[in-house]
């Protein structure tokens, strides 16, 4: 039998529902605003030109494929940086590091995860890009490599936290069972 709500619970429920519905309405309004503002631009640029290989806005070439390709390259590069470093660091923190090291590294990783990406991007433009320009003898350091390294650096703390929590959630009996069956410590960690 359903329990009747008190007047306080009814008010709280109504406030929570109102907040939830208003969030949905605001997201829908943002979507329709972007659609309303973006459709005139699509009518001025033919669809074939929009998906062309040239992006040069000064001469009215608005091909989106170079932008998509650049985003894909930076994302794949960031994954190649973040996943090995993130999982390796998580394995070190969860399985290898002594307790005192773990108590230092875990809060440090969580603190790094809280740094705003704008700050890291600024540091990348200020420090990483000039370093890459000099080290690789490039005309500019603002390359896909710099973007990949920065985006990977931003993603590493999240990957470390999630992977370390996943490793900590493995029951000790599984680890003991693997060791009892003759697996080495590294085989137990890997499997």
Protein backbone atom coordinates (compact mmCIF):
# COMPACT_ATOMS: atom_id res chain seq x y z
CA UNK A 1 0.00 0.00 0.00
CA UNK A 2 1.40 3.39 -1.00
CA UNK A 3 2.38 5.71 1.81
CA UNK A 4 0.89 9.19 1.54
CA UNK A 5 3.35 12.07 1.30
CA UNK A 6 3.49 14.81 3.89
CA UNK A 7 3.08 18.41 2.74
CA UNK A 8 6.85 18.98 2.96
CA UNK A 9 7.59 15.98 0.78
CA UNK A 10 4.95 17.13 -1.70
CA UNK A 11 6.55 20.59 -1.94
CA UNK A 12 10.06 19.13 -2.30
CA UNK A 13 8.85 16.72 -4.98
CA UNK A 14 7.19 19.58 -6.87
CA UNK A 15 10.35 21.72 -6.68
CA UNK A 16 12.55 18.86 -7.92
CA UNK A 17 10.17 18.08 -10.79
CA UNK A 18 10.02 21.77 -11.71
CA UNK A 19 13.82 21.99 -11.78
CA UNK A 20 14.05 18.85 -13.91
CA UNK A 21 11.45 20.00 -16.41
CA UNK A 22 12.95 23.49 -16.58
CA UNK A 23 16.37 21.97 -17.39
CA UNK A 24 14.80 20.05 -20.27
CA UNK A 25 13.04 23.21 -21.49
CA UNK A 26 16.28 25.24 -21.32
CA UNK A 27 18.21 22.64 -23.32
CA UNK A 28 15.42 22.56 -25.92
CA UNK A 29 15.44 26.38 -26.12
CA UNK A 30 19.22 26.40 -26.63
CA UNK A 31 18.84 23.80 -29.40
CA UNK A 32 16.13 25.79 -31.17
CA UNK A 33 18.11 29.04 -30.81
CA UNK A 34 21.18 27.44 -32.40
CA UNK A 35 19.01 25.95 -35.13
CA UNK A 36 17.33 29.31 -35.83
CA UNK A 37 20.66 31.15 -35.98
CA UNK A 38 22.46 28.44 -37.98
CA UNK A 39 19.93 27.70 -40.71
CA UNK A 40 20.45 31.00 -42.57
CA UNK A 41 24.16 30.23 -42.86
CA UNK A 42 23.34 26.83 -44.37
CA UNK A 43 21.12 28.49 -46.96
CA UNK A 44 23.99 30.78 -48.04
CA UNK A 45 26.57 28.01 -48.43
CA UNK A 46 25.71 25.13 -50.77
CA UNK A 47 25.81 21.72 -49.12
CA UNK A 48 28.48 20.48 -51.55
CA UNK A 49 30.74 23.39 -50.55
CA UNK A 50 30.08 22.75 -46.88
CA UNK A 51 31.50 19.24 -47.17
CA UNK A 52 34.41 20.20 -49.41
CA UNK A 53 38.08 19.83 -48.55
CA UNK A 54 38.87 23.56 -48.43
CA UNK A 55 38.54 25.78 -45.36
CA UNK A 56 39.49 29.32 -46.22
CA UNK A 57 36.82 31.72 -44.92
CA UNK A 58 38.44 34.83 -46.44
CA UNK A 59 37.62 33.55 -49.92
CA UNK A 60 34.27 32.01 -48.84
CA UNK A 61 35.43 28.39 -48.77
CA UNK A 62 33.71 26.82 -45.79
CA UNK A 63 34.54 23.13 -46.14
CA UNK A 64 33.98 21.37 -42.85
CA UNK A 65 35.98 18.21 -43.62
CA UNK A 66 39.36 19.73 -42.61
CA UNK A 67 37.83 20.70 -39.25
CA UNK A 68 36.40 17.23 -38.72
CA UNK A 69 39.68 15.61 -39.76
CA UNK A 70 41.65 17.82 -37.38
CA UNK A 71 39.29 17.00 -34.52
CA UNK A 72 39.60 13.29 -35.26
CA UNK A 73 43.41 13.45 -35.40
CA UNK A 74 43.63 15.34 -32.11
CA UNK A 75 41.15 12.98 -30.43
CA UNK A 76 42.95 9.82 -31.57
CA UNK A 77 46.29 11.33 -30.54
CA UNK A 78 44.87 12.24 -27.13
CA UNK A 79 43.61 8.69 -26.68
CA UNK A 80 47.03 7.31 -27.60
CA UNK A 81 48.52 9.54 -24.89
CA UNK A 82 45.86 9.30 -22.18
CA UNK A 83 44.89 5.62 -22.15
CA UNK A 84 48.36 4.08 -21.61
CA UNK A 85 49.42 6.73 -19.10
CA UNK A 86 46.09 6.65 -17.30
CA UNK A 87 45.83 2.89 -16.98
CA UNK A 88 49.52 2.53 -16.17
CA UNK A 89 49.26 5.13 -13.42
CA UNK A 90 46.09 3.50 -12.07
CA UNK A 91 47.78 0.09 -11.95
CA UNK A 92 50.76 1.62 -10.17
CA UNK A 93 48.58 3.39 -7.61
CA UNK A 94 46.26 0.44 -6.98
CA UNK A 95 48.64 -2.51 -7.15
CA UNK A 96 52.31 -1.51 -6.92
CA UNK A 97 52.75 1.70 -4.95
CA UNK A 98 53.43 1.57 -1.22
CA UNK A 99 50.68 2.96 0.98
CA UNK A 100 52.44 6.28 1.65
CA UNK A 101 52.95 6.85 -2.08
CA UNK A 102 49.32 5.97 -2.79
CA UNK A 103 48.17 8.47 -0.17
CA UNK A 104 50.14 11.19 -1.96
CA UNK A 105 49.36 10.25 -5.57
CA UNK A 106 45.61 9.68 -5.32
CA UNK A 107 44.75 13.19 -4.02
CA UNK A 108 47.28 14.68 -6.44
CA UNK A 109 45.57 12.99 -9.40
CA UNK A 110 42.16 14.15 -8.18
CA UNK A 111 43.52 17.67 -7.79
CA UNK A 112 44.86 17.58 -11.36
CA UNK A 113 41.43 16.46 -12.53
CA UNK A 114 39.95 19.61 -11.04
CA UNK A 115 42.18 22.00 -12.98
CA UNK A 116 40.18 23.99 -15.54
CA UNK A 117 40.92 23.00 -19.12
CA UNK A 118 41.24 26.69 -20.02
CA UNK A 119 44.19 27.00 -17.63
CA UNK A 120 45.86 23.90 -19.07
CA UNK A 121 45.26 25.18 -22.60
CA UNK A 122 46.83 28.52 -21.69
CA UNK A 123 49.85 26.75 -20.22
CA UNK A 124 50.05 24.67 -23.38
CA UNK A 125 50.13 27.77 -25.57
CA UNK A 126 52.61 29.44 -23.25
CA UNK A 127 54.98 26.51 -22.60
CA UNK A 128 54.26 23.43 -24.75
CA UNK A 129 53.77 25.11 -28.14
CA UNK A 130 57.06 27.09 -28.04
CA UNK A 131 58.89 23.98 -26.84
CA UNK A 132 57.51 21.89 -29.72
CA UNK A 133 58.32 24.69 -32.18
CA UNK A 134 61.97 24.78 -31.10
CA UNK A 135 62.41 21.05 -30.50
CA UNK A 136 60.86 19.91 -33.79
CA UNK A 137 62.04 22.97 -35.77
CA UNK A 138 58.52 23.91 -36.88
CA UNK A 139 57.21 27.29 -38.02
CA UNK A 140 54.61 27.14 -35.23
CA UNK A 141 54.11 24.98 -32.18
CA UNK A 142 50.33 25.12 -32.48
CA UNK A 143 50.01 21.68 -34.05
CA UNK A 144 47.83 18.61 -33.72
CA UNK A 145 50.60 17.10 -31.59
CA UNK A 146 50.32 19.96 -29.09
CA UNK A 147 46.54 19.62 -29.06
CA UNK A 148 46.77 15.86 -28.59
CA UNK A 149 49.23 16.18 -25.72
CA UNK A 150 47.09 18.80 -23.99
CA UNK A 151 43.81 16.94 -24.48
CA UNK A 152 45.46 13.71 -23.36
CA UNK A 153 46.84 15.46 -20.29
CA UNK A 154 43.37 16.72 -19.46
CA UNK A 155 41.90 13.20 -19.81
CA UNK A 156 44.58 11.34 -17.81
CA UNK A 157 43.25 12.19 -14.31
CA UNK A 158 39.76 10.99 -15.22
CA UNK A 159 41.08 7.73 -16.65
CA UNK A 160 43.32 7.22 -13.60
CA UNK A 161 40.45 7.75 -11.17
CA UNK A 162 38.04 5.44 -12.99
CA UNK A 163 40.60 2.69 -13.65
CA UNK A 164 41.95 2.85 -10.10
CA UNK A 165 38.43 2.56 -8.65
CA UNK A 166 37.76 -0.39 -10.98
CA UNK A 167 40.96 -2.13 -9.84
CA UNK A 168 40.11 -1.51 -6.19
CA UNK A 169 36.65 -3.03 -6.69
CA UNK A 170 38.12 -6.43 -7.66
CA UNK A 171 37.56 -8.69 -4.64
CA UNK A 172 40.68 -9.78 -2.79
CA UNK A 173 39.51 -13.40 -3.09
CA UNK A 174 39.97 -13.21 -6.89
CA UNK A 175 43.53 -12.00 -6.48
CA UNK A 176 44.30 -14.63 -3.87
CA UNK A 177 42.74 -17.31 -6.08
CA UNK A 178 44.88 -16.30 -9.05
CA UNK A 179 48.03 -16.34 -6.94
CA UNK A 180 47.06 -19.71 -5.43
CA UNK A 181 46.70 -21.17 -8.94
CA UNK A 182 50.29 -20.20 -9.73
CA UNK A 183 49.86 -16.87 -11.48
CA UNK A 184 52.54 -14.28 -10.89
CA UNK A 185 51.68 -10.90 -9.45
CA UNK A 186 51.86 -9.27 -12.90
CA UNK A 187 49.68 -11.98 -14.46
CA UNK A 188 47.14 -11.39 -11.70
CA UNK A 189 47.15 -7.65 -12.37
CA UNK A 190 46.93 -8.13 -16.15
CA UNK A 191 44.11 -10.67 -16.11
